[in-house]
C-alpha atoms as a PDB file:
ATOM      1  CA  MET A   1      -1.183   9.024  -9.073  1.00  0.00           C
ATOM      2  CA  THR A   2      -1.538   5.258  -9.354  1.00  0.00           C
ATOM      3  CA  LEU A   3      -4.848   3.421  -9.155  1.00  0.00           C
ATOM      4  CA  VAL A   4      -6.219   0.033 -10.172  1.00  0.00           C
ATOM      5  CA  ILE A   5      -9.840  -0.690  -9.225  1.00  0.00           C
ATOM      6  CA  ALA A   6     -11.927  -3.791  -9.888  1.00  0.00           C
ATOM      7  CA  ARG A   7     -15.398  -4.973  -9.034  1.00  0.00           C
ATOM      8  CA  VAL A   8     -17.786  -7.819  -9.653  1.00  0.00           C
ATOM      9  CA  LYS A   9     -21.322  -6.750 -10.460  1.00  0.00           C
ATOM     10  CA  LYS A  10     -24.057  -9.003 -11.799  1.00  0.00           C
ATOM     11  CA  GLY A  11     -21.477 -11.730 -12.393  1.00  0.00           C
ATOM     12  CA  LEU A  12     -19.282  -9.492 -14.581  1.00  0.00           C
ATOM     13  CA  LEU A  13     -15.732  -8.690 -13.518  1.00  0.00           C
ATOM     14  CA  SER A  14     -14.510  -5.275 -14.645  1.00  0.00           C
ATOM     15  CA  ALA A  15     -11.436  -3.201 -13.899  1.00  0.00           C
ATOM     16  CA  ILE A  16      -9.965   0.218 -14.588  1.00  0.00           C
ATOM     17  CA  SER A  17      -6.591   1.801 -14.027  1.00  0.00           C
ATOM     18  CA  ASP A  18      -4.701   4.956 -14.758  1.00  0.00           C
ATOM     19  CA  THR A  19      -2.314   4.701 -17.697  1.00  0.00           C
ATOM     20  CA  GLY A  20       0.865   6.399 -16.516  1.00  0.00           C
ATOM     21  CA  ILE A  21       3.947   4.495 -15.419  1.00  0.00           C
ATOM     22  CA  THR A  22       7.275   5.852 -14.254  1.00  0.00           C
ATOM     23  CA  PHE A  23      10.124   3.525 -15.190  1.00  0.00           C
ATOM     24  CA  ASN A  24      13.810   4.381 -14.794  1.00  0.00           C
ATOM     25  CA  ALA A  25      12.871   8.006 -13.993  1.00  0.00           C
ATOM     26  CA  GLU A  26      10.989   8.301 -17.312  1.00  0.00           C
ATOM     27  CA  THR A  27       7.205   8.674 -17.555  1.00  0.00           C
ATOM     28  CA  TYR A  28       5.476   6.267 -19.931  1.00  0.00           C
ATOM     29  CA  GLY A  29       1.961   6.963 -21.215  1.00  0.00           C
ATOM     30  CA  PRO A  30      -0.460   4.473 -22.777  1.00  0.00           C
ATOM     31  CA  ALA A  31       1.297   4.662 -26.169  1.00  0.00           C
ATOM     32  CA  ARG A  32       4.323   2.831 -24.692  1.00  0.00           C
ATOM     33  CA  GLY A  33       2.230  -0.295 -24.128  1.00  0.00           C
ATOM     34  CA  VAL A  34       2.963  -0.972 -20.452  1.00  0.00           C
ATOM     35  CA  PRO A  35      -0.456  -1.749 -18.936  1.00  0.00           C
ATOM     36  CA  LYS A  36      -1.173  -1.886 -15.198  1.00  0.00           C
ATOM     37  CA  LEU A  37      -3.718  -4.620 -15.902  1.00  0.00           C
ATOM     38  CA  CYS A  38      -2.443  -7.806 -17.540  1.00  0.00           C
ATOM     39  CA  VAL A  39      -4.465 -10.849 -18.567  1.00  0.00           C
ATOM     40  CA  LEU A  40      -2.367 -13.912 -17.742  1.00  0.00           C
ATOM     41  CA  SER A  41      -4.968 -16.549 -18.651  1.00  0.00           C
ATOM     42  CA  PRO A  42      -8.685 -16.754 -19.438  1.00  0.00           C
ATOM     43  CA  ASN A  43      -9.277 -17.043 -15.682  1.00  0.00           C
ATOM     44  CA  LEU A  44      -6.702 -14.602 -14.277  1.00  0.00           C
ATOM     45  CA  ALA A  45      -5.818 -10.955 -14.768  1.00  0.00           C
ATOM     46  CA  VAL A  46      -3.455  -9.025 -12.510  1.00  0.00           C
ATOM     47  CA  GLY A  47      -3.305  -5.324 -11.726  1.00  0.00           C
ATOM     48  CA  PHE A  48      -0.435  -3.701  -9.895  1.00  0.00           C
ATOM     49  CA  ALA A  49       0.567  -0.523  -8.116  1.00  0.00           C
ATOM     50  CA  GLY A  50       4.015   0.364  -6.852  1.00  0.00           C
ATOM     51  CA  ASP A  51       7.449  -0.536  -8.147  1.00  0.00           C
ATOM     52  CA  VAL A  52       7.243  -1.252 -11.879  1.00  0.00           C
ATOM     53  CA  HIS A  53      10.442  -3.365 -11.904  1.00  0.00           C
ATOM     54  CA  THR A  54       8.928  -5.737  -9.340  1.00  0.00           C
ATOM     55  CA  ALA A  55       5.625  -5.948 -11.210  1.00  0.00           C
ATOM     56  CA  ILE A  56       7.268  -6.688 -14.557  1.00  0.00           C
ATOM     57  CA  GLU A  57       9.502  -9.307 -12.949  1.00  0.00           C
ATOM     58  CA  ALA A  58       6.517 -10.974 -11.267  1.00  0.00           C
ATOM     59  CA  LEU A  59       4.407 -10.964 -14.432  1.00  0.00           C
ATOM     60  CA  THR A  60       7.276 -12.123 -16.643  1.00  0.00           C
ATOM     61  CA  HIS A  61       8.200 -15.013 -14.343  1.00  0.00           C
ATOM     62  CA  PHE A  62       4.657 -16.160 -13.633  1.00  0.00           C
ATOM     63  CA  PRO A  63       4.512 -19.864 -14.636  1.00  0.00           C
ATOM     64  CA  THR A  64       3.147 -20.158 -18.177  1.00  0.00           C
ATOM     65  CA  GLY A  65       3.289 -23.856 -19.068  1.00  0.00           C
ATOM     66  CA  ARG A  66       0.647 -24.823 -16.560  1.00  0.00           C
ATOM     67  CA  LEU A  67      -1.298 -22.145 -14.718  1.00  0.00           C
ATOM     68  CA  HIS A  68       0.156 -21.758 -11.259  1.00  0.00           C
ATOM     69  CA  GLN A  69      -1.952 -23.689  -8.758  1.00  0.00           C
ATOM     70  CA  ASN A  70      -2.025 -20.833  -6.244  1.00  0.00           C
ATOM     71  CA  PRO A  71      -1.522 -17.432  -7.907  1.00  0.00           C
ATOM     72  CA  ALA A  72      -2.156 -15.587  -4.635  1.00  0.00           C
ATOM     73  CA  ALA A  73       0.730 -17.455  -2.957  1.00  0.00           C
ATOM     74  CA  TYR A  74       3.024 -16.638  -5.896  1.00  0.00           C
ATOM     75  CA  PHE A  75       2.217 -12.917  -5.833  1.00  0.00           C
ATOM     76  CA  VAL A  76       2.378 -12.596  -2.039  1.00  0.00           C
ATOM     77  CA  ASP A  77       5.818 -14.275  -2.145  1.00  0.00           C
ATOM     78  CA  VAL A  78       6.978 -11.695  -4.708  1.00  0.00           C
ATOM     79  CA  HIS A  79       5.384  -8.898  -2.660  1.00  0.00           C
ATOM     80  CA  ARG A  80       7.097 -10.011   0.562  1.00  0.00           C
ATOM     81  CA  SER A  81      10.466 -10.752  -1.061  1.00  0.00           C
ATOM     82  CA  LYS A  82      10.600  -7.141  -2.292  1.00  0.00           C
ATOM     83  CA  ASN A  83       9.492  -5.694   1.075  1.00  0.00           C
ATOM     84  CA  GLY A  84       6.013  -4.801  -0.133  1.00  0.00           C
ATOM     85  CA  VAL A  85       7.078  -2.249  -2.756  1.00  0.00           C
ATOM     86  CA  THR A  86       4.396  -3.513  -5.165  1.00  0.00           C
ATOM     87  CA  ASP A  87       0.779  -4.398  -4.409  1.00  0.00           C
ATOM     88  CA  PHE A  88      -1.217  -6.716  -6.657  1.00  0.00           C
ATOM     89  CA  LEU A  89      -4.910  -7.101  -7.441  1.00  0.00           C
ATOM     90  CA  LEU A  90      -5.728 -10.607  -8.691  1.00  0.00           C
ATOM     91  CA  LEU A  91      -8.882 -10.824 -10.792  1.00  0.00           C
ATOM     92  CA  PHE A  92     -10.337 -14.299 -11.170  1.00  0.00           C
ATOM     93  CA  ASN A  93     -12.959 -14.904 -13.833  1.00  0.00           C
ATOM     94  CA  SER A  94     -14.505 -18.180 -12.670  1.00  0.00           C
ATOM     95  CA  PRO A  95     -16.017 -17.734 -10.197  1.00  0.00           C
ATOM     96  CA  PRO A  96     -15.637 -13.938 -10.419  1.00  0.00           C
ATOM     97  CA  ARG A  97     -13.685 -12.625  -7.418  1.00  0.00           C
ATOM     98  CA  ILE A  98     -10.958 -10.189  -6.501  1.00  0.00           C
ATOM     99  CA  VAL A  99      -7.989 -10.941  -4.250  1.00  0.00           C
ATOM    100  CA  LYS A 100      -5.737  -8.143  -3.010  1.00  0.00           C
ATOM    101  CA  VAL A 101      -2.080  -8.682  -2.109  1.00  0.00           C
ATOM    102  CA  SER A 102      -0.913  -5.805   0.083  1.00  0.00           C
ATOM    103  CA  GLY A 103       0.631  -5.136   3.476  1.00  0.00           C
ATOM    104  CA  GLY A 104       2.474  -8.465   3.387  1.00  0.00           C
ATOM    105  CA  LYS A 105      -0.668 -10.570   3.148  1.00  0.00           C
ATOM    106  CA  VAL A 106      -3.379 -11.939   0.903  1.00  0.00           C
ATOM    107  CA  MET A 107      -6.767 -10.388   1.623  1.00  0.00           C
ATOM    108  CA  SER A 108      -9.918 -12.508   1.569  1.00  0.00           C
ATOM    109  CA  PRO A 109     -11.620 -12.751  -1.831  1.00  0.00           C
ATOM    110  CA  SER A 110     -14.113  -9.963  -2.376  1.00  0.00           C
ATOM    111  CA  ARG A 111     -16.354  -8.365  -4.982  1.00  0.00           C
ATOM    112  CA  VAL A 112     -14.492  -5.031  -4.959  1.00  0.00           C
ATOM    113  CA  GLY A 113     -10.870  -4.055  -4.536  1.00  0.00           C
ATOM    114  CA  TRP A 114      -8.248  -1.462  -5.322  1.00  0.00           C
ATOM    115  CA  VAL A 115      -4.510  -0.881  -5.099  1.00  0.00           C
ATOM    116  CA  GLY A 116      -2.633   2.367  -5.505  1.00  0.00           C
ATOM    117  CA  GLU A 117      -2.678   5.790  -3.976  1.00  0.00           C
ATOM    118  CA  HIS A 118      -5.496   6.882  -1.703  1.00  0.00           C
ATOM    119  CA  LYS A 119      -5.648  10.219  -3.543  1.00  0.00           C
ATOM    120  CA  GLY A 120      -6.456   8.369  -6.780  1.00  0.00           C
ATOM    121  CA  PHE A 121      -9.103   6.270  -5.077  1.00  0.00           C
ATOM    122  CA  SER A 122     -10.682   9.388  -3.537  1.00  0.00           C
ATOM    123  CA  SER A 123     -10.769  11.014  -6.976  1.00  0.00           C
ATOM    124  CA  TYR A 124     -12.455   7.914  -8.405  1.00  0.00           C
ATOM    125  CA  GLN A 125     -15.043   7.929  -5.617  1.00  0.00           C
ATOM    126  CA  HIS A 126     -15.696  11.620  -6.267  1.00  0.00           C
ATOM    127  CA  ARG A 127     -16.532  10.749  -9.888  1.00  0.00           C
ATOM    128  CA  THR A 128     -18.912   7.998  -8.830  1.00  0.00           C
ATOM    129  CA  ASN A 129     -22.578   8.715  -8.241  1.00  0.00           C
ATOM    130  CA  PRO A 130     -24.427   7.449  -5.142  1.00  0.00           C
ATOM    131  CA  VAL A 131     -25.552   4.258  -6.886  1.00  0.00           C
ATOM    132  CA  GLY A 132     -21.963   3.289  -7.643  1.00  0.00           C
ATOM    133  CA  GLU A 133     -22.051   3.791 -11.408  1.00  0.00           C
ATOM    134  CA  PRO A 134     -18.997   5.643 -12.771  1.00  0.00           C
ATOM    135  CA  ARG A 135     -19.333   9.086 -14.382  1.00  0.00           C
ATOM    136  CA  ASN A 136     -16.575  10.311 -16.699  1.00  0.00           C
ATOM    137  CA  VAL A 137     -14.507   7.203 -15.938  1.00  0.00           C
ATOM    138  CA  SER A 138     -13.701   4.573 -18.558  1.00  0.00           C
ATOM    139  CA  ILE A 139     -14.364   0.965 -17.577  1.00  0.00           C
ATOM    140  CA  VAL A 140     -12.373  -1.675 -19.406  1.00  0.00           C
ATOM    141  CA  GLU A 141     -14.052  -5.056 -19.299  1.00  0.00           C
ATOM    142  CA  ILE A 142     -11.540  -7.796 -18.512  1.00  0.00           C
ATOM    143  CA  GLU A 143     -12.475  -9.879 -21.550  1.00  0.00           C
ATOM    144  CA  GLN A 144     -11.552  -6.938 -23.804  1.00  0.00           C
ATOM    145  CA  LEU A 145      -7.993  -6.688 -22.498  1.00  0.00           C
ATOM    146  CA  TYR A 146      -5.132  -8.325 -24.347  1.00  0.00           C
ATOM    147  CA  THR A 147      -2.636 -10.691 -22.858  1.00  0.00           C
ATOM    148  CA  CYS A 148       0.319  -8.548 -21.946  1.00  0.00           C
ATOM    149  CA  GLU A 149       3.989  -9.088 -22.433  1.00  0.00           C
ATOM    150  CA  PRO A 150       5.699  -6.146 -20.754  1.00  0.00           C
ATOM    151  CA  ARG A 151       7.995  -4.420 -23.240  1.00  0.00           C
ATOM    152  CA  LEU A 152      10.322  -1.633 -22.273  1.00  0.00           C
END
């Protein structure tokens, strides 16, 4: 069950995800070091759900010398070129906002977003109290994540 969720609250951008990945018919847990949330720069982190090959290719080929001028255009191009097999959640730090790439398009920036399986999202909502504060769910603050280099 795949899920990446992010939100902006009181100016702080935070995100969570599950930690399992299936790659080449093998299940990888968190010890294998393949995160679903990757910090690409101080202003951009990316979460993904769907085909791991596509996600790793997109993250590995993201321009590094100079931050890509339009990350949403880059990720929607990858998404479309692979027939939508991977959705992306772009997390911008300044100003804090979330942009979802799914269904062949870039969604308008928002303060909340998720990609993954509806069953996972429903489970997350079930663990959330009426005020929106998570219970029994770890929240990883974006600034605490490490820059990722996918290694398989």
